[in-house]
C-alpha atoms as a PDB file:
ATOM      1  CA  MET A   1      68.947  99.188 107.109  1.00  0.00           C
ATOM      2  CA  PHE A   2      72.089  97.015 106.200  1.00  0.00           C
ATOM      3  CA  SER A   3      73.236  94.932 109.355  1.00  0.00           C
ATOM      4  CA  ARG A   4      76.712  95.864 110.348  1.00  0.00           C
ATOM      5  CA  GLY A   5      76.603  92.653 112.769  1.00  0.00           C
ATOM      6  CA  LEU A   6      76.946  89.831 110.081  1.00  0.00           C
ATOM      7  CA  LYS A   7      80.675  88.306 109.495  1.00  0.00           C
ATOM      8  CA  VAL A   8      82.601  86.364 108.117  1.00  0.00           C
ATOM      9  CA  GLY A   9      84.694  83.450 109.282  1.00  0.00           C
ATOM     10  CA  ALA A  10      88.036  83.841 111.112  1.00  0.00           C
ATOM     11  CA  GLY A  11      89.560  84.553 107.845  1.00  0.00           C
ATOM     12  CA  ALA A  12      88.113  83.721 104.033  1.00  0.00           C
ATOM     13  CA  LEU A  13      90.784  82.081 100.986  1.00  0.00           C
ATOM     14  CA  VAL A  14      89.802  83.960  98.146  1.00  0.00           C
ATOM     15  CA  ALA A  15      92.606  83.358  94.506  1.00  0.00           C
ATOM     16  CA  ALA A  16      94.434  84.913  91.741  1.00  0.00           C
ATOM     17  CA  GLY A  17      95.800  83.657  90.022  1.00  0.00           C
ATOM     18  CA  THR A  18      96.848  80.110  91.716  1.00  0.00           C
ATOM     19  CA  ALA A  19      97.552  81.875  94.590  1.00  0.00           C
ATOM     20  CA  GLN A  20      95.640  82.497  97.858  1.00  0.00           C
ATOM     21  CA  TYR A  21      95.714  85.503  99.969  1.00  0.00           C
ATOM     22  CA  CYS A  22      94.001  85.483 103.557  1.00  0.00           C
ATOM     23  CA  VAL A  23      91.730  88.319 104.083  1.00  0.00           C
ATOM     24  CA  TYR A  24      90.513  88.551 107.894  1.00  0.00           C
ATOM     25  CA  ALA A  25      86.745  90.012 108.008  1.00  0.00           C
ATOM     26  CA  LYS A  26      87.265  91.008 111.579  1.00  0.00           C
ATOM     27  CA  ASP A  27      87.320  94.117 112.660  1.00  0.00           C
ATOM     28  CA  ARG A  28      87.157  95.390 109.563  1.00  0.00           C
ATOM     29  CA  LYS A  29      84.447  97.335 108.251  1.00  0.00           C
ATOM     30  CA  SER A  30      81.468  96.840 106.040  1.00  0.00           C
ATOM     31  CA  TYR A  31      80.880  98.675 103.156  1.00  0.00           C
ATOM     32  CA  VAL A  32      78.028  99.936 100.878  1.00  0.00           C
ATOM     33  CA  ILE A  33      79.769  99.655  97.651  1.00  0.00           C
ATOM     34  CA  TYR A  34      78.957 102.061  94.535  1.00  0.00           C
ATOM     35  CA  ALA A  35      80.600 101.236  90.952  1.00  0.00           C
ATOM     36  CA  ALA A  36      81.939 103.702  88.373  1.00  0.00           C
ATOM     37  CA  PRO A  37      80.296 102.327  84.617  1.00  0.00           C
ATOM     38  CA  GLY A  38      82.445  99.027  84.000  1.00  0.00           C
ATOM     39  CA  MET A  39      83.446  98.009  87.369  1.00  0.00           C
ATOM     40  CA  GLU A  40      80.055  96.987  88.768  1.00  0.00           C
ATOM     41  CA  GLU A  41      81.476  93.405  88.200  1.00  0.00           C
ATOM     42  CA  VAL A  42      84.126  94.112  90.808  1.00  0.00           C
ATOM     43  CA  ALA A  43      81.397  94.869  93.652  1.00  0.00           C
ATOM     44  CA  LEU A  44      80.028  92.394  93.000  1.00  0.00           C
ATOM     45  CA  LYS A  45      82.354  90.564  93.270  1.00  0.00           C
ATOM     46  CA  LEU A  46      83.821  92.362  96.680  1.00  0.00           C
ATOM     47  CA  VAL A  47      80.082  90.997  97.637  1.00  0.00           C
ATOM     48  CA  ARG A  48      80.037  87.206  96.605  1.00  0.00           C
ATOM     49  CA  GLU A  49      84.361  86.996  98.707  1.00  0.00           C
ATOM     50  CA  GLN A  50      82.410  88.341 101.665  1.00  0.00           C
ATOM     51  CA  PRO A  51      78.385  87.117 101.505  1.00  0.00           C
ATOM     52  CA  GLY A  52      76.671  89.308 104.631  1.00  0.00           C
ATOM     53  CA  LYS A  53      79.299  91.845 105.234  1.00  0.00           C
ATOM     54  CA  HIS A  54      79.091  94.545 102.319  1.00  0.00           C
ATOM     55  CA  ARG A  55      76.025  95.447 100.151  1.00  0.00           C
ATOM     56  CA  TYR A  56      76.123  97.211  96.055  1.00  0.00           C
ATOM     57  CA  LEU A  57      73.702  99.598  95.376  1.00  0.00           C
ATOM     58  CA  PRO A  58      73.778 100.611  91.574  1.00  0.00           C
ATOM     59  CA  ILE A  59      73.591 103.906  90.191  1.00  0.00           C
ATOM     60  CA  ALA A  60      71.597 104.688  86.883  1.00  0.00           C
ATOM     61  CA  TRP A  61      74.119 107.024  84.929  1.00  0.00           C
ATOM     62  CA  ARG A  62      72.442 109.718  82.458  1.00  0.00           C
ATOM     63  CA  LYS A  63      72.632 112.974  81.542  1.00  0.00           C
ATOM     64  CA  THR A  64      70.293 116.226  81.459  1.00  0.00           C
ATOM     65  CA  ALA A  65      69.495 116.934  77.565  1.00  0.00           C
ATOM     66  CA  ASP A  66      71.707 119.676  77.787  1.00  0.00           C
ATOM     67  CA  GLY A  67      74.383 116.883  78.480  1.00  0.00           C
ATOM     68  CA  SER A  68      75.077 118.342  81.995  1.00  0.00           C
ATOM     69  CA  ASP A  69      75.087 114.872  84.163  1.00  0.00           C
ATOM     70  CA  GLU A  70      72.575 113.682  86.991  1.00  0.00           C
ATOM     71  CA  ALA A  71      73.122 110.382  88.300  1.00  0.00           C
ATOM     72  CA  SER A  72      70.373 108.001  89.697  1.00  0.00           C
ATOM     73  CA  VAL A  73      72.372 107.168  93.409  1.00  0.00           C
ATOM     74  CA  GLU A  74      69.966 104.546  94.845  1.00  0.00           C
ATOM     75  CA  GLY A  75      70.465 105.561  98.783  1.00  0.00           C
ATOM     76  CA  VAL A  76      70.814 108.792  98.615  1.00  0.00           C
ATOM     77  CA  GLY A  77      67.652 110.350 100.761  1.00  0.00           C
ATOM     78  CA  SER A  78      66.011 107.938 101.539  1.00  0.00           C
ATOM     79  CA  GLY A  79      68.064 107.976 105.470  1.00  0.00           C
ATOM     80  CA  ASP A  80      69.531 104.435 104.102  1.00  0.00           C
ATOM     81  CA  LEU A  81      73.078 105.823 103.567  1.00  0.00           C
ATOM     82  CA  ASP A  82      73.425 106.955 107.417  1.00  0.00           C
ATOM     83  CA  ASP A  83      76.143 106.675 109.519  1.00  0.00           C
ATOM     84  CA  GLU A  84      77.408 104.458 106.863  1.00  0.00           C
ATOM     85  CA  ASP A  85      80.640 103.581 105.040  1.00  0.00           C
ATOM     86  CA  VAL A  86      80.811 103.758 102.319  1.00  0.00           C
ATOM     87  CA  LEU A  87      83.350 102.677  98.776  1.00  0.00           C
ATOM     88  CA  PHE A  88      83.099 103.922  95.826  1.00  0.00           C
ATOM     89  CA  LEU A  89      84.928 102.175  93.048  1.00  0.00           C
ATOM     90  CA  ALA A  90      86.203 104.165  91.207  1.00  0.00           C
ATOM     91  CA  SER A  91      87.077 104.189  86.582  1.00  0.00           C
ATOM     92  CA  PHE A  92      89.204 107.300  86.164  1.00  0.00           C
ATOM     93  CA  THR A  93      89.592 106.977  82.467  1.00  0.00           C
ATOM     94  CA  ASP A  94      88.902 110.167  80.827  1.00  0.00           C
ATOM     95  CA  GLY A  95      87.931 114.044  81.417  1.00  0.00           C
ATOM     96  CA  ALA A  96      84.176 112.673  81.383  1.00  0.00           C
ATOM     97  CA  ALA A  97      84.104 109.875  83.048  1.00  0.00           C
ATOM     98  CA  THR A  98      85.944 111.691  85.740  1.00  0.00           C
ATOM     99  CA  LEU A  99      83.591 114.435  86.530  1.00  0.00           C
ATOM    100  CA  ALA A 100      80.290 112.208  85.958  1.00  0.00           C
ATOM    101  CA  GLN A 101      81.857 110.076  88.842  1.00  0.00           C
ATOM    102  CA  TYR A 102      82.284 113.292  90.567  1.00  0.00           C
ATOM    103  CA  HIS A 103      78.723 114.043  90.860  1.00  0.00           C
ATOM    104  CA  ALA A 104      77.633 110.800  91.770  1.00  0.00           C
ATOM    105  CA  LEU A 105      80.807 111.027  94.565  1.00  0.00           C
ATOM    106  CA  ALA A 106      78.675 114.240  95.839  1.00  0.00           C
ATOM    107  CA  ARG A 107      75.557 113.317  96.026  1.00  0.00           C
ATOM    108  CA  VAL A 108      76.843 110.054  98.481  1.00  0.00           C
ATOM    109  CA  CYS A 109      78.969 112.698 100.477  1.00  0.00           C
ATOM    110  CA  ASP A 110      76.016 115.318 100.722  1.00  0.00           C
ATOM    111  CA  ALA A 111      74.577 111.996 103.524  1.00  0.00           C
ATOM    112  CA  PRO A 112      75.051 112.279 105.986  1.00  0.00           C
ATOM    113  CA  ILE A 113      77.967 108.606 105.883  1.00  0.00           C
ATOM    114  CA  ASN A 114      79.874 107.714 108.346  1.00  0.00           C
ATOM    115  CA  SER A 115      83.693 107.746 105.744  1.00  0.00           C
ATOM    116  CA  MET A 116      84.120 108.132 102.266  1.00  0.00           C
ATOM    117  CA  THR A 117      86.945 105.184 100.644  1.00  0.00           C
ATOM    118  CA  VAL A 118      87.549 106.206  96.967  1.00  0.00           C
ATOM    119  CA  VAL A 119      89.518 103.011  95.307  1.00  0.00           C
ATOM    120  CA  ALA A 120      90.722 104.424  91.636  1.00  0.00           C
ATOM    121  CA  PRO A 121      93.053 101.699  91.157  1.00  0.00           C
ATOM    122  CA  TYR A 122      94.087 103.928  88.042  1.00  0.00           C
ATOM    123  CA  LEU A 123      94.513 108.181  88.719  1.00  0.00           C
ATOM    124  CA  PRO A 124      94.983 109.818  85.519  1.00  0.00           C
ATOM    125  CA  GLY A 125      98.799 110.830  84.972  1.00  0.00           C
ATOM    126  CA  ALA A 126      99.873 107.846  87.529  1.00  0.00           C
ATOM    127  CA  ALA A 127     102.121 106.850  85.017  1.00  0.00           C
ATOM    128  CA  THR A 128     103.850 109.709  84.429  1.00  0.00           C
ATOM    129  CA  GLY A 129     103.449 111.147  88.145  1.00  0.00           C
ATOM    130  CA  ASN A 130     101.425 113.729  87.351  1.00  0.00           C
ATOM    131  CA  THR A 131      97.828 113.266  89.464  1.00  0.00           C
ATOM    132  CA  ALA A 132      97.441 116.412  91.283  1.00  0.00           C
ATOM    133  CA  GLY A 133      94.232 117.330  88.898  1.00  0.00           C
ATOM    134  CA  THR A 134      92.347 114.486  89.790  1.00  0.00           C
ATOM    135  CA  THR A 135      92.723 114.375  93.207  1.00  0.00           C
ATOM    136  CA  ARG A 136      92.675 117.754  94.116  1.00  0.00           C
ATOM    137  CA  LEU A 137      88.919 117.913  92.030  1.00  0.00           C
ATOM    138  CA  LEU A 138      88.244 114.860  94.293  1.00  0.00           C
ATOM    139  CA  SER A 139      89.765 116.377  97.866  1.00  0.00           C
ATOM    140  CA  THR A 140      86.590 119.045  96.353  1.00  0.00           C
ATOM    141  CA  LEU A 141      83.708 116.808  97.507  1.00  0.00           C
ATOM    142  CA  PRO A 142      81.725 117.447 100.690  1.00  0.00           C
ATOM    143  CA  ALA A 143      83.293 117.290 103.739  1.00  0.00           C
ATOM    144  CA  CYS A 144      82.273 113.401 105.755  1.00  0.00           C
ATOM    145  CA  ALA A 145      82.597 112.144 109.318  1.00  0.00           C
ATOM    146  CA  ALA A 146      86.114 111.157 108.481  1.00  0.00           C
ATOM    147  CA  PRO A 147      88.916 112.544 105.769  1.00  0.00           C
ATOM    148  CA  LEU A 148      88.102 110.773 102.169  1.00  0.00           C
ATOM    149  CA  ARG A 149      90.665 108.109 101.345  1.00  0.00           C
ATOM    150  CA  ILE A 150      92.050 107.366  97.879  1.00  0.00           C
ATOM    151  CA  ILE A 151      93.443 103.982  97.481  1.00  0.00           C
ATOM    152  CA  THR A 152      95.332 103.625  94.157  1.00  0.00           C
ATOM    153  CA  TYR A 153      97.503 101.304  92.323  1.00  0.00           C
ATOM    154  CA  ASP A 154     101.276 101.699  91.356  1.00  0.00           C
ATOM    155  CA  ALA A 155     101.138 105.284  90.834  1.00  0.00           C
ATOM    156  CA  LYS A 156     103.963 107.971  90.459  1.00  0.00           C
ATOM    157  CA  ASN A 157     105.124 110.631  92.659  1.00  0.00           C
ATOM    158  CA  LEU A 158     101.425 110.893  93.921  1.00  0.00           C
ATOM    159  CA  ALA A 159     100.299 114.197  94.301  1.00  0.00           C
ATOM    160  CA  ARG A 160      99.903 115.057  98.702  1.00  0.00           C
ATOM    161  CA  GLU A 161      96.500 116.981  99.049  1.00  0.00           C
ATOM    162  CA  GLU A 162      95.255 118.215 102.717  1.00  0.00           C
ATOM    163  CA  HIS A 163      91.727 117.638 102.049  1.00  0.00           C
ATOM    164  CA  ALA A 164      92.898 113.630 100.998  1.00  0.00           C
ATOM    165  CA  LYS A 165      94.544 110.815 102.536  1.00  0.00           C
ATOM    166  CA  ILE A 166      95.606 109.003  99.762  1.00  0.00           C
ATOM    167  CA  ILE A 167      96.824 105.193 100.110  1.00  0.00           C
ATOM    168  CA  PRO A 168      99.656 103.847  97.872  1.00  0.00           C
ATOM    169  CA  ALA A 169      98.641 100.587  97.123  1.00  0.00           C
ATOM    170  CA  THR A 170     101.022  97.831  95.156  1.00  0.00           C
ATOM    171  CA  THR A 171     100.855  94.757  93.056  1.00  0.00           C
ATOM    172  CA  ALA A 172     104.484  93.795  94.086  1.00  0.00           C
ATOM    173  CA  HIS A 173     102.864  90.954  96.116  1.00  0.00           C
ATOM    174  CA  ILE A 174     101.001  90.008  92.890  1.00  0.00           C
ATOM    175  CA  LEU A 175     104.090  90.211  90.810  1.00  0.00           C
ATOM    176  CA  ALA A 176     106.556  87.884  93.959  1.00  0.00           C
ATOM    177  CA  ASP A 177     103.902  85.440  92.990  1.00  0.00           C
ATOM    178  CA  MET A 178     103.959  85.403  89.166  1.00  0.00           C
ATOM    179  CA  ILE A 179     108.286  85.288  89.367  1.00  0.00           C
ATOM    180  CA  LYS A 180     108.142  82.334  91.627  1.00  0.00           C
ATOM    181  CA  ARG A 181     105.047  80.490  89.449  1.00  0.00           C
ATOM    182  CA  ARG A 182     106.278  80.959  86.815  1.00  0.00           C
ATOM    183  CA  ASN A 183     110.381  80.868  87.225  1.00  0.00           C
ATOM    184  CA  PHE A 184     111.487  84.308  86.164  1.00  0.00           C
ATOM    185  CA  ASN A 185     114.902  85.106  86.672  1.00  0.00           C
ATOM    186  CA  CYS A 186     114.912  88.689  86.178  1.00  0.00           C
ATOM    187  CA  VAL A 187     113.106  91.895  85.907  1.00  0.00           C
ATOM    188  CA  ALA A 188     113.326  94.265  83.516  1.00  0.00           C
ATOM    189  CA  PHE A 189     112.647  98.088  83.614  1.00  0.00           C
ATOM    190  CA  THR A 190     112.360 100.493  81.191  1.00  0.00           C
ATOM    191  CA  THR A 191     112.370 103.291  82.875  1.00  0.00           C
ATOM    192  CA  PRO A 192     114.661 104.409  86.402  1.00  0.00           C
ATOM    193  CA  GLU A 193     110.648 105.610  87.909  1.00  0.00           C
ATOM    194  CA  ALA A 194     109.607 102.296  87.106  1.00  0.00           C
ATOM    195  CA  GLN A 195     112.536 100.810  89.268  1.00  0.00           C
ATOM    196  CA  ARG A 196     112.439 103.569  92.077  1.00  0.00           C
ATOM    197  CA  LEU A 197     108.346 102.503  92.081  1.00  0.00           C
ATOM    198  CA  PHE A 198     109.242  97.937  92.472  1.00  0.00           C
ATOM    199  CA  ALA A 199     112.702  97.363  92.988  1.00  0.00           C
ATOM    200  CA  PRO A 200     112.251  97.595  96.290  1.00  0.00           C
ATOM    201  CA  GLN A 201     109.040  96.078  97.301  1.00  0.00           C
ATOM    202  CA  LEU A 202     110.379  93.086  95.275  1.00  0.00           C
ATOM    203  CA  ASP A 203     113.640  93.183  96.816  1.00  0.00           C
ATOM    204  CA  ALA A 204     111.708  92.900 100.439  1.00  0.00           C
ATOM    205  CA  ALA A 205     109.531  90.143  98.968  1.00  0.00           C
ATOM    206  CA  ARG A 206     112.573  88.552  98.519  1.00  0.00           C
ATOM    207  CA  VAL A 207     111.841  86.689  95.329  1.00  0.00           C
ATOM    208  CA  GLY A 208     115.705  86.864  94.640  1.00  0.00           C
ATOM    209  CA  VAL A 209     116.198  87.923  90.460  1.00  0.00           C
ATOM    210  CA  SER A 210     118.350  90.521  89.655  1.00  0.00           C
ATOM    211  CA  TYR A 211     117.804  93.592  87.860  1.00  0.00           C
ATOM    212  CA  LEU A 212     117.555  94.746  84.128  1.00  0.00           C
ATOM    213  CA  ARG A 213     117.054  98.341  82.646  1.00  0.00           C
ATOM    214  CA  THR A 214     116.500  99.906  79.448  1.00  0.00           C
ATOM    215  CA  ASP A 215     116.930 103.008  78.356  1.00  0.00           C
ATOM    216  CA  MET A 216     115.184 104.917  74.615  1.00  0.00           C
ATOM    217  CA  LYS A 217     118.978 106.923  73.746  1.00  0.00           C
ATOM    218  CA  CYS A 218     119.772 109.057  70.593  1.00  0.00           C
ATOM    219  CA  ASP A 219     121.048 106.940  67.727  1.00  0.00           C
ATOM    220  CA  GLU A 220     125.084 108.357  67.803  1.00  0.00           C
ATOM    221  CA  LEU A 221     125.120 108.005  63.727  1.00  0.00           C
ATOM    222  CA  ILE A 222     121.743 109.149  63.260  1.00  0.00           C
ATOM    223  CA  PRO A 223     120.711 112.000  65.975  1.00  0.00           C
ATOM    224  CA  THR A 224     116.429 112.001  65.684  1.00  0.00           C
ATOM    225  CA  LYS A 225     116.895 108.375  66.338  1.00  0.00           C
ATOM    226  CA  LYS A 226     116.600 106.443  69.717  1.00  0.00           C
ATOM    227  CA  THR A 227     117.216 103.155  69.614  1.00  0.00           C
ATOM    228  CA  VAL A 228     116.935 100.941  73.108  1.00  0.00           C
ATOM    229  CA  GLN A 229     120.165 100.329  74.819  1.00  0.00           C
ATOM    230  CA  VAL A 230     120.406  97.811  77.955  1.00  0.00           C
ATOM    231  CA  MET A 231     122.080 100.247  80.897  1.00  0.00           C
ATOM    232  CA  GLU A 232     122.013  97.905  84.036  1.00  0.00           C
ATOM    233  CA  GLY A 233     122.549  94.724  83.981  1.00  0.00           C
ATOM    234  CA  SER A 234     122.940  91.753  81.052  1.00  0.00           C
ATOM    235  CA  PRO A 235     119.535  89.716  79.789  1.00  0.00           C
ATOM    236  CA  ARG A 236     121.415  86.132  77.928  1.00  0.00           C
ATOM    237  CA  GLY A 237     120.208  83.090  79.300  1.00  0.00           C
ATOM    238  CA  LYS A 238     117.414  84.632  81.185  1.00  0.00           C
ATOM    239  CA  HIS A 239     113.672  84.991  81.395  1.00  0.00           C
ATOM    240  CA  LEU A 240     112.773  88.327  81.520  1.00  0.00           C
ATOM    241  CA  LEU A 241     109.581  90.182  83.118  1.00  0.00           C
ATOM    242  CA  LEU A 242     109.760  93.295  81.852  1.00  0.00           C
ATOM    243  CA  VAL A 243     107.859  95.336  84.387  1.00  0.00           C
ATOM    244  CA  ASP A 244     106.081  98.795  84.654  1.00  0.00           C
ATOM    245  CA  SER A 245     102.585 100.723  85.641  1.00  0.00           C
ATOM    246  CA  SER A 246     101.641 100.845  82.071  1.00  0.00           C
ATOM    247  CA  ILE A 247     103.485 100.781  78.589  1.00  0.00           C
ATOM    248  CA  SER A 248     105.377 103.003  75.997  1.00  0.00           C
ATOM    249  CA  ALA A 249     106.548 102.980  72.854  1.00  0.00           C
ATOM    250  CA  ALA A 250     109.811 101.838  74.822  1.00  0.00           C
ATOM    251  CA  THR A 251     107.757  98.805  76.597  1.00  0.00           C
ATOM    252  CA  ALA A 252     108.388  96.577  72.243  1.00  0.00           C
ATOM    253  CA  ALA A 253     111.612  98.347  71.490  1.00  0.00           C
ATOM    254  CA  ALA A 254     112.983  96.917  74.706  1.00  0.00           C
ATOM    255  CA  ALA A 255     111.434  93.444  74.440  1.00  0.00           C
ATOM    256  CA  LYS A 256     112.887  93.237  70.972  1.00  0.00           C
ATOM    257  CA  LYS A 257     116.255  94.572  71.889  1.00  0.00           C
ATOM    258  CA  LEU A 258     116.274  91.768  75.643  1.00  0.00           C
ATOM    259  CA  ALA A 259     115.080  88.789  72.892  1.00  0.00           C
ATOM    260  CA  SER A 260     118.061  89.806  70.505  1.00  0.00           C
ATOM    261  CA  GLU A 261     120.615  89.836  72.874  1.00  0.00           C
ATOM    262  CA  GLY A 262     120.560  86.268  74.424  1.00  0.00           C
ATOM    263  CA  ALA A 263     117.026  86.571  76.555  1.00  0.00           C
ATOM    264  CA  LEU A 264     115.405  82.997  76.358  1.00  0.00           C
ATOM    265  CA  SER A 265     111.673  84.913  76.746  1.00  0.00           C
ATOM    266  CA  VAL A 266     110.185  88.495  77.132  1.00  0.00           C
ATOM    267  CA  SER A 267     106.960  88.309  78.924  1.00  0.00           C
ATOM    268  CA  VAL A 268     105.674  92.268  80.383  1.00  0.00           C
ATOM    269  CA  PHE A 269     103.268  93.181  83.202  1.00  0.00           C
ATOM    270  CA  SER A 270     102.006  95.969  83.178  1.00  0.00           C
ATOM    271  CA  THR A 271      99.460  97.417  85.976  1.00  0.00           C
ATOM    272  CA  HIS A 272      97.172  98.775  84.108  1.00  0.00           C
ATOM    273  CA  ALA A 273      95.751  98.811  80.411  1.00  0.00           C
ATOM    274  CA  VAL A 274      97.366 102.164  79.644  1.00  0.00           C
ATOM    275  CA  SER A 275      99.578 103.332  76.821  1.00  0.00           C
ATOM    276  CA  THR A 276     101.415 106.242  77.471  1.00  0.00           C
ATOM    277  CA  SER A 277     102.491 106.948  74.326  1.00  0.00           C
ATOM    278  CA  PRO A 278     100.607 107.484  71.151  1.00  0.00           C
ATOM    279  CA  ASN A 279     102.197 105.059  69.153  1.00  0.00           C
ATOM    280  CA  ALA A 280     102.113 102.357  71.271  1.00  0.00           C
ATOM    281  CA  SER A 281      99.086  99.956  72.015  1.00  0.00           C
ATOM    282  CA  PHE A 282      98.730  96.701  74.087  1.00  0.00           C
ATOM    283  CA  ALA A 283      97.686  94.871  70.504  1.00  0.00           C
ATOM    284  CA  ALA A 284     100.787  95.821  69.001  1.00  0.00           C
ATOM    285  CA  LEU A 285     102.606  94.846  72.260  1.00  0.00           C
ATOM    286  CA  ALA A 286     100.434  91.689  71.948  1.00  0.00           C
ATOM    287  CA  GLY A 287     102.090  91.447  67.481  1.00  0.00           C
ATOM    288  CA  GLU A 288     105.372  91.357  68.787  1.00  0.00           C
ATOM    289  CA  PRO A 289     107.155  88.066  68.052  1.00  0.00           C
ATOM    290  CA  ALA A 290     109.723  88.841  70.988  1.00  0.00           C
ATOM    291  CA  VAL A 291     107.077  88.779  73.805  1.00  0.00           C
ATOM    292  CA  SER A 292     106.148  85.778  74.993  1.00  0.00           C
ATOM    293  CA  LYS A 293     103.082  86.452  77.569  1.00  0.00           C
ATOM    294  CA  ILE A 294     101.444  90.085  78.261  1.00  0.00           C
ATOM    295  CA  PHE A 295     100.334  90.217  82.373  1.00  0.00           C
ATOM    296  CA  VAL A 296      97.928  93.490  83.390  1.00  0.00           C
ATOM    297  CA  THR A 297      95.437  93.334  86.205  1.00  0.00           C
ATOM    298  CA  ASN A 298      91.622  94.496  85.775  1.00  0.00           C
ATOM    299  CA  SER A 299      92.150  97.926  86.936  1.00  0.00           C
ATOM    300  CA  LEU A 300      90.235  99.960  84.307  1.00  0.00           C
ATOM    301  CA  PRO A 301      87.236  97.960  82.577  1.00  0.00           C
ATOM    302  CA  ALA A 302      89.678  98.534  78.809  1.00  0.00           C
ATOM    303  CA  THR A 303      90.670  95.120  80.799  1.00  0.00           C
ATOM    304  CA  GLN A 304      87.830  93.571  79.505  1.00  0.00           C
ATOM    305  CA  GLN A 305      89.066  94.440  75.270  1.00  0.00           C
ATOM    306  CA  LEU A 306      92.016  92.878  75.542  1.00  0.00           C
ATOM    307  CA  SER A 307      91.955  89.259  74.384  1.00  0.00           C
ATOM    308  CA  GLY A 308      94.278  87.021  72.624  1.00  0.00           C
ATOM    309  CA  PRO A 309      96.327  83.373  73.760  1.00  0.00           C
ATOM    310  CA  LYS A 310      99.352  86.204  74.796  1.00  0.00           C
ATOM    311  CA  PHE A 311      97.089  88.437  77.653  1.00  0.00           C
ATOM    312  CA  GLU A 312      96.317  86.583  80.964  1.00  0.00           C
ATOM    313  CA  VAL A 313      94.660  88.869  83.172  1.00  0.00           C
ATOM    314  CA  VAL A 314      95.113  88.998  86.973  1.00  0.00           C
ATOM    315  CA  ASP A 315      92.548  89.879  89.400  1.00  0.00           C
ATOM    316  CA  LEU A 316      92.686  93.045  91.776  1.00  0.00           C
ATOM    317  CA  CYS A 317      89.989  91.791  93.861  1.00  0.00           C
ATOM    318  CA  PRO A 318      91.781  89.583  96.060  1.00  0.00           C
ATOM    319  CA  HIS A 319      94.024  92.992  97.501  1.00  0.00           C
ATOM    320  CA  ILE A 320      91.219  95.302  96.562  1.00  0.00           C
ATOM    321  CA  MET A 321      89.597  93.482  99.914  1.00  0.00           C
ATOM    322  CA  LYS A 322      93.020  93.478 101.507  1.00  0.00           C
ATOM    323  CA  ALA A 323      93.545  97.131 101.046  1.00  0.00           C
ATOM    324  CA  ILE A 324      90.755  98.327 102.498  1.00  0.00           C
END
């Protein structure tokens, strides 16, 4: 049985970029950690950063002959999970992956555990404000001793569920540090939803930047053609950071427009390696001359596929440790 008595010191310092975050281990739970495919390294890093506090147990992901999910979850059925707090690092990249992880979660929840926390940095539909399907599916998991907690990052208009406690987490502190270290003096948004999500939290962090918003509007001469228009603020003479939880066709178009109107530099921050437009990709965004840098967190395994001098991956591990 895993000992809950092992604690790290009063505060353990871990790095995210060049910033330092203090993770106070005292009075925080010790977790048995499981991970979805592609999230294993994040789980192992959490264990390494707080040695003796958490432990990682693997899952063998496989399917039966008829294509049904049949995950072999270490610790289930052995009494090894009795009265333990469980942390599951999810990666709900598509319907098939979500269902496979749901079956593994159900097996763990059938054990006499104390609590279940699901860290799903990205929820399908979060970029467009339609997370109801995933949260409702998770809310049907077998009941644990405590309500299921779901921690997710930068989701818009989260669905509310009776059987699951949704904990919205934010990358605003990552952005605030980035803005200060890299001397961005203006934050730009391509949608009102992104501005409503990020601007109040950046205001609370007192980063002292101006805001700018663009929008895709129908061309006056060619109604079927959409062009980018600056709705609020001016890009002239600014070092701009375009911010959203995902990218879209508007991202590259906005960067090009802002550069043409006098921005000194335009960089992009996307919480997740996700595009909401079929004709937009991170590779195409990296190929846009107006874009200087692209920052994206490791919230999804897809981040590992991004390569090139313009990309910089931001580690979420320190912030997950604070959230749990």
